C-alpha cells in the first residue's frame, strides 16, 4: 500500500512541474487611485457655510497665520507661541502702542524679508497672502473707534468745551494763530 501511495504522490508532483506559473501583472499608479464613487475629479462637494463673520480672504489669512506664525507669535498674537525660543522677545500684536509703532508697509517688509530670527516668507507666500497677513496682524489690535461728532450725537456745545456724553474726550481743536493767540481766541476753523 505504501508503494501505491508513493507512486501516486510522485505522479502528482511530476504533473505539477509541467505547469508554468501564471503571469503577474505590472503595478501601475492607477492601482492606488482613489475610487470613483460616481464623482468626477472636476466635481466638488458642497461645503456648509461658515458663519464666523469673516470674509473668505480674512479666514484664509487667519489660517495662514495659524500655520506659519502662531508657533512663535501665539494664537492670539501675544508673542507667547509654544515654538518661541525662551530668549526671544516677540511683540504683542494686540498692544495699541505696538499697532501704532509700525506702518502696513513696514510689516509687509518684515514678513516678506524676515528680521533677526524671523525667517523670510516672501518666497513662500504670494504678495496677496502677505498683505492678508498684515491685515491679520491688524485684526489682533484694538478695534478702531470712530470719532463722534457733536452734531451726530445731537448735542451742541461751545467751542473748546467737551460735548456731553463723550466724557471730555472730544474737544474743539482749533489751532492758535501765527500771532500766538490761544485756542479760545483763535477764529473758528472753516470745514
Protein backbone atom coordinates (compact mmCIF):
# COMPACT_ATOMS: atom_id res chain seq x y z
CA UNK A 1 0.00 0.00 0.00
CA UNK A 2 2.82 2.36 0.73
CA UNK A 3 4.24 1.71 -2.72
CA UNK A 4 0.94 2.76 -4.30
CA UNK A 5 0.81 5.96 -2.27
CA UNK A 6 4.41 6.80 -3.16
CA UNK A 7 3.71 6.29 -6.87
CA UNK A 8 0.56 8.37 -6.66
CA UNK A 9 2.37 11.22 -4.83
CA UNK A 10 5.26 11.12 -7.29
CA UNK A 11 2.96 11.32 -10.32
CA UNK A 12 1.17 14.33 -8.83
CA UNK A 13 4.47 16.07 -8.18
CA UNK A 14 5.72 15.44 -11.71
CA UNK A 15 2.43 16.67 -13.14
CA UNK A 16 2.73 19.99 -11.27
CA UNK A 17 6.25 20.63 -12.59
CA UNK A 18 4.98 20.81 -16.14
CA UNK A 19 2.79 23.83 -15.36
CA UNK A 20 4.16 27.33 -15.79
CA UNK A 21 3.30 29.90 -13.11
CA UNK A 22 0.61 32.42 -14.01
CA UNK A 23 1.87 35.75 -15.34
CA UNK A 24 1.99 38.54 -12.79
CA UNK A 25 0.53 41.91 -13.61
CA UNK A 26 2.75 45.03 -13.56
CA UNK A 27 1.88 47.67 -10.96
CA UNK A 28 0.58 50.99 -12.28
CA UNK A 29 -0.25 54.25 -10.44
CA UNK A 30 -3.92 53.68 -11.23
CA UNK A 31 -3.82 50.66 -8.91
CA UNK A 32 -3.70 53.09 -5.99
CA UNK A 33 -6.02 55.80 -7.29
CA UNK A 34 -8.99 56.92 -5.26
CA UNK A 35 -12.20 55.09 -6.12
CA UNK A 36 -14.52 56.96 -8.44
CA UNK A 37 -17.71 56.57 -6.37
CA UNK A 38 -19.59 58.23 -9.21
CA UNK A 39 -17.93 61.65 -8.66
CA UNK A 40 -15.67 63.01 -11.38
CA UNK A 41 -12.45 64.76 -10.41
CA UNK A 42 -13.88 68.09 -11.65
CA UNK A 43 -16.95 67.93 -9.42
CA UNK A 44 -16.71 69.50 -5.99
CA UNK A 45 -18.75 68.67 -2.97
CA UNK A 46 -20.80 71.42 -1.41
CA UNK A 47 -19.37 72.74 1.85
CA UNK A 48 -21.50 74.00 4.70
CA UNK A 49 -21.17 77.79 5.07
CA UNK A 50 -19.11 79.12 7.97
CA UNK A 51 -20.75 81.88 9.96
CA UNK A 52 -17.82 83.46 11.78
CA UNK A 53 -18.29 86.98 10.42
CA UNK A 54 -15.07 86.82 8.38
CA UNK A 55 -14.66 87.15 4.63
CA UNK A 56 -13.00 84.31 2.73
CA UNK A 57 -9.80 86.38 2.50
CA UNK A 58 -9.80 87.07 6.25
CA UNK A 59 -10.43 83.40 7.01
CA UNK A 60 -7.58 82.41 4.70
CA UNK A 61 -5.23 84.95 6.32
CA UNK A 62 -6.12 83.59 9.75
CA UNK A 63 -5.37 80.06 8.56
CA UNK A 64 -2.01 81.10 7.10
CA UNK A 65 -1.20 82.89 10.38
CA UNK A 66 -2.03 79.77 12.40
CA UNK A 67 0.16 77.58 10.17
CA UNK A 68 3.12 79.92 9.59
CA UNK A 69 3.19 82.39 12.50
CA UNK A 70 1.33 81.20 15.60
CA UNK A 71 4.05 78.73 16.58
CA UNK A 72 6.21 81.66 17.69
CA UNK A 73 3.81 84.59 17.91
CA UNK A 74 0.97 82.74 19.66
CA UNK A 75 -2.57 82.01 18.57
CA UNK A 76 -3.78 85.43 19.74
CA UNK A 77 -0.64 87.33 18.71
CA UNK A 78 0.75 87.96 22.22
CA UNK A 79 4.25 86.65 21.34
CA UNK A 80 3.85 83.58 23.52
CA UNK A 81 3.80 80.72 21.00
CA UNK A 82 4.97 77.24 22.05
CA UNK A 83 7.81 77.17 19.47
CA UNK A 84 9.28 80.51 20.54
CA UNK A 85 12.79 80.26 21.91
CA UNK A 86 12.85 81.29 25.59
CA UNK A 87 15.31 84.11 24.88
CA UNK A 88 13.16 85.63 22.14
CA UNK A 89 11.22 88.78 22.93
CA UNK A 90 8.38 88.96 20.46
CA UNK A 91 5.91 91.82 20.04
CA UNK A 92 2.38 91.70 21.39
CA UNK A 93 0.29 92.34 18.28
CA UNK A 94 -2.72 93.17 20.48
CA UNK A 95 -0.93 96.13 22.07
CA UNK A 96 -2.22 99.52 20.89
CA UNK A 97 1.28 101.01 21.21
CA UNK A 98 2.77 98.26 19.03
CA UNK A 99 -0.01 98.68 16.46
CA UNK A 100 0.74 102.42 16.28
CA UNK A 101 4.50 101.85 16.00
CA UNK A 102 4.50 100.16 12.56
CA UNK A 103 3.04 101.04 9.19
CA UNK A 104 1.49 98.39 6.99
CA UNK A 105 4.43 98.75 4.58
CA UNK A 106 6.93 98.11 7.40
CA UNK A 107 5.01 94.99 8.46
CA UNK A 108 4.87 93.80 4.85
CA UNK A 109 8.64 94.23 4.54
CA UNK A 110 9.35 92.39 7.81
CA UNK A 111 7.11 89.45 6.89
CA UNK A 112 8.50 89.30 3.36
CA UNK A 113 12.22 89.74 4.10
CA UNK A 114 12.41 88.46 7.68
CA UNK A 115 14.17 90.12 10.59
CA UNK A 116 16.53 88.75 13.22
CA UNK A 117 15.49 85.17 13.98
CA UNK A 118 12.26 85.50 11.99
CA UNK A 119 12.56 83.81 8.61
CA UNK A 120 11.57 85.49 5.36
CA UNK A 121 8.19 84.43 3.99
CA UNK A 122 8.28 86.42 0.73
CA UNK A 123 9.44 83.39 -1.23
CA UNK A 124 6.76 81.10 0.26
CA UNK A 125 3.65 83.30 0.41
CA UNK A 126 2.36 85.26 -2.60
CA UNK A 127 2.07 89.08 -2.32
CA UNK A 128 -1.70 88.96 -1.75
CA UNK A 129 -1.16 86.49 1.08
CA UNK A 130 1.49 88.73 2.64
CA UNK A 131 -0.91 91.69 2.59
CA UNK A 132 -3.62 89.49 4.10
CA UNK A 133 -1.21 88.57 6.93
CA UNK A 134 -0.68 92.28 7.61
CA UNK A 135 -4.47 92.56 7.88
CA UNK A 136 -4.47 89.62 10.31
CA UNK A 137 -1.87 91.36 12.49
CA UNK A 138 -4.02 94.50 12.47
CA UNK A 139 -7.04 92.40 13.47
CA UNK A 140 -5.27 91.48 16.73
CA UNK A 141 -5.18 95.16 17.72
CA UNK A 142 -7.97 97.13 19.31
CA UNK A 143 -10.95 97.92 17.12
CA UNK A 144 -10.71 101.40 15.64
CA UNK A 145 -13.06 103.83 17.32
CA UNK A 146 -14.98 106.15 15.03
CA UNK A 147 -14.93 109.74 16.25
CA UNK A 148 -18.28 111.00 17.47
CA UNK A 149 -19.23 114.39 16.05
CA UNK A 150 -21.16 116.75 18.33
CA UNK A 151 -23.80 117.21 15.63
CA UNK A 152 -24.07 113.41 15.23
CA UNK A 153 -24.68 112.99 18.93
CA UNK A 154 -27.37 115.66 18.82
CA UNK A 155 -25.59 117.79 21.41
CA UNK A 156 -24.16 121.20 20.61
CA UNK A 157 -21.68 122.93 22.85
CA UNK A 158 -19.43 125.97 22.84
CA UNK A 159 -16.08 125.63 21.04
CA UNK A 160 -13.41 124.16 23.29
CA UNK A 161 -15.90 122.55 25.65
CA UNK A 162 -16.29 118.81 25.99
CA UNK A 163 -19.51 117.62 24.45
CA UNK A 164 -21.96 115.91 26.74
CA UNK A 165 -21.82 112.14 26.59
CA UNK A 166 -18.20 111.96 25.43
CA UNK A 167 -16.74 112.25 28.94
CA UNK A 168 -14.41 115.03 27.94
CA UNK A 169 -12.67 113.14 25.15
CA UNK A 170 -13.82 115.26 22.24
CA UNK A 171 -12.74 118.89 22.14
CA UNK A 172 -12.58 121.60 19.53
CA UNK A 173 -9.01 121.54 18.29
CA UNK A 174 -8.70 124.92 16.58
CA UNK A 175 -5.02 125.75 16.21
CA UNK A 176 -3.61 129.00 17.63
CA UNK A 177 -2.96 131.75 15.13
CA UNK A 178 0.53 132.64 14.00
CA UNK A 179 0.44 135.73 16.28
CA UNK A 180 0.37 133.43 19.33
CA UNK A 181 -3.35 133.64 20.18
CA UNK A 182 -4.76 130.88 22.36
CA UNK A 183 -7.27 128.33 21.03
CA UNK A 184 -10.11 130.22 22.71
CA UNK A 185 -9.13 133.47 20.92
CA UNK A 186 -8.48 131.85 17.53
CA UNK A 187 -11.02 132.40 14.81
CA UNK A 188 -13.23 129.39 14.08
CA UNK A 189 -11.84 126.93 11.56
CA UNK A 190 -13.96 126.55 8.45
CA UNK A 191 -14.62 123.00 7.27
